[in-house]
Amino acid sequence: MGQALGIDVVAECVETHEQADELRAMGCTTAQGWLYAKAQTAVDAGLILGTRLSEHEAAVPSGAGGPSLSR
């Protein structure tokens, strides 16, 4: 629906690869949830805000990085 309306949509609470696969099959390209990263402290979140996660995977605390829906 978001694509039809020309708005960006973020899928939330993605916890499994199966959920991510289904979202990808539906054309969703942006998601968040525990599959990708656990909750971060303000300091750790500040390290990655405003940049692509792939640019900071080496700097992101262990367990915080993960796959994106775009392949």
N, C-alpha and C. Protein backbone atom coordinates (compact mmCIF):
# COMPACT_ATOMS: atom_id res chain seq x y z
N MET A 1 0.82 -1.18 0.00
CA MET A 1 0.00 0.00 0.00
C MET A 1 0.87 1.25 0.00
N GLY A 2 1.96 1.22 0.78
CA GLY A 2 2.85 2.37 0.83
C GLY A 2 3.42 2.72 -0.53
N GLN A 3 3.83 1.70 -1.28
CA GLN A 3 4.37 1.94 -2.62
C GLN A 3 3.33 2.58 -3.52
N ALA A 4 2.09 2.10 -3.43
CA ALA A 4 1.02 2.65 -4.27
C ALA A 4 0.74 4.11 -3.92
N LEU A 5 0.95 4.47 -2.67
CA LEU A 5 0.71 5.84 -2.23
C LEU A 5 1.95 6.72 -2.35
N GLY A 6 3.09 6.10 -2.70
CA GLY A 6 4.32 6.87 -2.84
C GLY A 6 4.94 7.29 -1.53
N ILE A 7 4.72 6.50 -0.47
CA ILE A 7 5.31 6.82 0.83
C ILE A 7 6.24 5.70 1.28
N ASP A 8 7.24 6.05 2.09
CA ASP A 8 8.15 5.06 2.64
C ASP A 8 7.48 4.35 3.80
N VAL A 9 7.70 3.05 3.88
CA VAL A 9 7.13 2.23 4.95
C VAL A 9 8.26 1.43 5.57
N VAL A 10 8.26 1.33 6.90
CA VAL A 10 9.24 0.52 7.62
C VAL A 10 8.49 -0.59 8.34
N ALA A 11 8.82 -1.84 8.02
CA ALA A 11 8.23 -2.98 8.72
C ALA A 11 8.89 -3.06 10.10
N GLU A 12 8.09 -3.20 11.13
CA GLU A 12 8.61 -3.25 12.50
C GLU A 12 8.46 -4.64 13.09
N CYS A 13 9.26 -4.92 14.10
CA CYS A 13 9.19 -6.16 14.87
C CYS A 13 9.55 -7.39 14.05
N VAL A 14 10.48 -7.26 13.11
CA VAL A 14 10.92 -8.41 12.32
C VAL A 14 11.89 -9.21 13.19
N GLU A 15 11.52 -10.46 13.48
CA GLU A 15 12.32 -11.27 14.39
C GLU A 15 12.89 -12.53 13.77
N THR A 16 12.35 -12.95 12.61
CA THR A 16 12.82 -14.20 12.01
C THR A 16 13.18 -13.99 10.54
N HIS A 17 14.02 -14.88 10.02
CA HIS A 17 14.38 -14.83 8.61
C HIS A 17 13.14 -15.08 7.73
N GLU A 18 12.24 -15.91 8.22
CA GLU A 18 11.02 -16.19 7.46
C GLU A 18 10.18 -14.92 7.30
N GLN A 19 10.08 -14.12 8.36
CA GLN A 19 9.35 -12.85 8.27
C GLN A 19 10.03 -11.93 7.27
N ALA A 20 11.35 -11.85 7.33
CA ALA A 20 12.09 -10.98 6.42
C ALA A 20 11.91 -11.45 4.97
N ASP A 21 11.93 -12.75 4.75
CA ASP A 21 11.74 -13.29 3.40
C ASP A 21 10.35 -12.94 2.86
N GLU A 22 9.34 -13.07 3.70
CA GLU A 22 7.98 -12.75 3.28
C GLU A 22 7.83 -11.26 2.97
N LEU A 23 8.41 -10.42 3.80
CA LEU A 23 8.37 -8.98 3.54
C LEU A 23 9.08 -8.63 2.23
N ARG A 24 10.24 -9.26 2.01
CA ARG A 24 10.99 -9.04 0.79
C ARG A 24 10.16 -9.45 -0.43
N ALA A 25 9.47 -10.59 -0.33
CA ALA A 25 8.63 -11.08 -1.42
C ALA A 25 7.48 -10.11 -1.72
N MET A 26 7.06 -9.37 -0.70
CA MET A 26 5.98 -8.38 -0.89
C MET A 26 6.51 -7.03 -1.36
N GLY A 27 7.84 -6.93 -1.53
CA GLY A 27 8.42 -5.69 -2.03
C GLY A 27 8.89 -4.73 -0.96
N CYS A 28 8.87 -5.16 0.30
CA CYS A 28 9.33 -4.31 1.39
C CYS A 28 10.87 -4.26 1.38
N THR A 29 11.42 -3.08 1.46
CA THR A 29 12.88 -2.94 1.43
C THR A 29 13.47 -2.37 2.71
N THR A 30 12.62 -1.99 3.67
CA THR A 30 13.12 -1.40 4.91
C THR A 30 12.41 -2.04 6.09
N ALA A 31 13.20 -2.49 7.07
CA ALA A 31 12.62 -3.14 8.24
C ALA A 31 13.50 -2.90 9.46
N GLN A 32 12.90 -3.13 10.60
CA GLN A 32 13.66 -3.08 11.84
C GLN A 32 13.14 -4.18 12.75
N GLY A 33 13.94 -4.57 13.68
CA GLY A 33 13.54 -5.60 14.63
C GLY A 33 14.73 -6.36 15.16
N TRP A 34 14.47 -7.29 16.04
CA TRP A 34 15.54 -8.02 16.72
C TRP A 34 16.33 -8.90 15.78
N LEU A 35 15.80 -9.24 14.61
CA LEU A 35 16.58 -10.00 13.64
C LEU A 35 17.82 -9.21 13.24
N TYR A 36 17.70 -7.91 13.18
CA TYR A 36 18.77 -7.05 12.70
C TYR A 36 19.63 -6.49 13.82
N ALA A 37 19.02 -6.13 14.93
CA ALA A 37 19.79 -5.55 16.03
C ALA A 37 18.98 -5.56 17.31
N LYS A 38 19.65 -5.84 18.39
CA LYS A 38 19.04 -5.73 19.71
C LYS A 38 18.99 -4.25 20.08
N ALA A 39 18.24 -3.94 21.10
CA ALA A 39 18.15 -2.56 21.57
C ALA A 39 19.56 -2.05 21.91
N GLN A 40 19.81 -0.78 21.59
CA GLN A 40 21.12 -0.18 21.78
C GLN A 40 21.06 0.92 22.84
N THR A 41 22.19 1.16 23.48
CA THR A 41 22.29 2.31 24.36
C THR A 41 22.34 3.57 23.50
N ALA A 42 22.12 4.71 24.09
CA ALA A 42 22.16 5.96 23.34
C ALA A 42 23.52 6.16 22.69
N VAL A 43 24.58 5.84 23.39
CA VAL A 43 25.94 6.02 22.85
C VAL A 43 26.15 5.11 21.65
N ASP A 44 25.78 3.83 21.79
CA ASP A 44 25.97 2.89 20.68
C ASP A 44 25.10 3.26 19.48
N ALA A 45 23.87 3.69 19.73
CA ALA A 45 22.98 4.09 18.63
C ALA A 45 23.55 5.31 17.91
N GLY A 46 24.16 6.21 18.65
CA GLY A 46 24.75 7.41 18.05
C GLY A 46 25.86 7.10 17.07
N LEU A 47 26.51 5.95 17.24
CA LEU A 47 27.58 5.56 16.33
C LEU A 47 27.08 5.25 14.92
N ILE A 48 25.81 4.83 14.82
CA ILE A 48 25.31 4.42 13.51
C ILE A 48 24.23 5.32 12.94
N LEU A 49 23.70 6.26 13.72
CA LEU A 49 22.64 7.13 13.22
C LEU A 49 23.12 7.96 12.03
N GLY A 50 22.28 8.04 11.01
CA GLY A 50 22.57 8.86 9.86
C GLY A 50 23.48 8.23 8.82
N THR A 51 23.84 6.97 9.01
CA THR A 51 24.69 6.29 8.04
C THR A 51 24.12 4.90 7.77
N ARG A 52 24.54 4.30 6.65
CA ARG A 52 24.13 2.94 6.35
C ARG A 52 24.80 1.99 7.32
N LEU A 53 24.07 1.01 7.77
CA LEU A 53 24.60 0.04 8.72
C LEU A 53 25.85 -0.64 8.17
N SER A 54 25.86 -0.94 6.87
CA SER A 54 27.01 -1.64 6.28
C SER A 54 28.30 -0.84 6.41
N GLU A 55 28.20 0.49 6.53
CA GLU A 55 29.39 1.32 6.68
C GLU A 55 29.99 1.21 8.08
N HIS A 56 29.19 0.73 9.03
CA HIS A 56 29.63 0.70 10.42
C HIS A 56 29.63 -0.68 11.04
N GLU A 57 29.47 -1.73 10.26
CA GLU A 57 29.38 -3.06 10.85
C GLU A 57 30.59 -3.38 11.73
N ALA A 58 31.76 -2.92 11.34
CA ALA A 58 32.95 -3.19 12.16
C ALA A 58 32.92 -2.40 13.45
N ALA A 59 32.25 -1.23 13.46
CA ALA A 59 32.23 -0.38 14.64
C ALA A 59 31.02 -0.64 15.53
N VAL A 60 30.02 -1.36 15.01
CA VAL A 60 28.80 -1.61 15.77
C VAL A 60 29.09 -2.68 16.81
N PRO A 61 28.56 -2.51 18.03
CA PRO A 61 28.78 -3.50 19.08
C PRO A 61 28.34 -4.89 18.65
N SER A 62 28.98 -5.91 19.17
CA SER A 62 28.69 -7.29 18.82
C SER A 62 27.20 -7.59 18.95
N GLY A 63 26.64 -8.23 17.91
CA GLY A 63 25.25 -8.59 17.93
C GLY A 63 24.31 -7.52 17.43
N ALA A 64 24.82 -6.34 17.14
CA ALA A 64 23.95 -5.24 16.71
C ALA A 64 23.73 -5.22 15.22
N GLY A 65 24.64 -5.74 14.44
CA GLY A 65 24.50 -5.71 12.99
C GLY A 65 23.62 -6.84 12.50
N GLY A 66 23.26 -6.79 11.24
CA GLY A 66 22.46 -7.87 10.70
C GLY A 66 22.15 -7.63 9.26
N PRO A 67 21.44 -8.55 8.64
CA PRO A 67 21.12 -8.43 7.23
C PRO A 67 20.07 -7.36 6.97
N SER A 68 20.08 -6.79 5.80
CA SER A 68 19.02 -5.87 5.42
C SER A 68 18.08 -6.61 4.50
N LEU A 69 16.90 -6.04 4.25
CA LEU A 69 15.96 -6.68 3.35
C LEU A 69 16.40 -6.57 1.92
N SER A 70 17.19 -5.56 1.59
CA SER A 70 17.66 -5.39 0.21
C SER A 70 18.79 -6.37 -0.04
N ARG A 71 18.68 -7.11 -1.13
CA ARG A 71 19.75 -8.06 -1.46
C ARG A 71 20.33 -7.71 -2.79
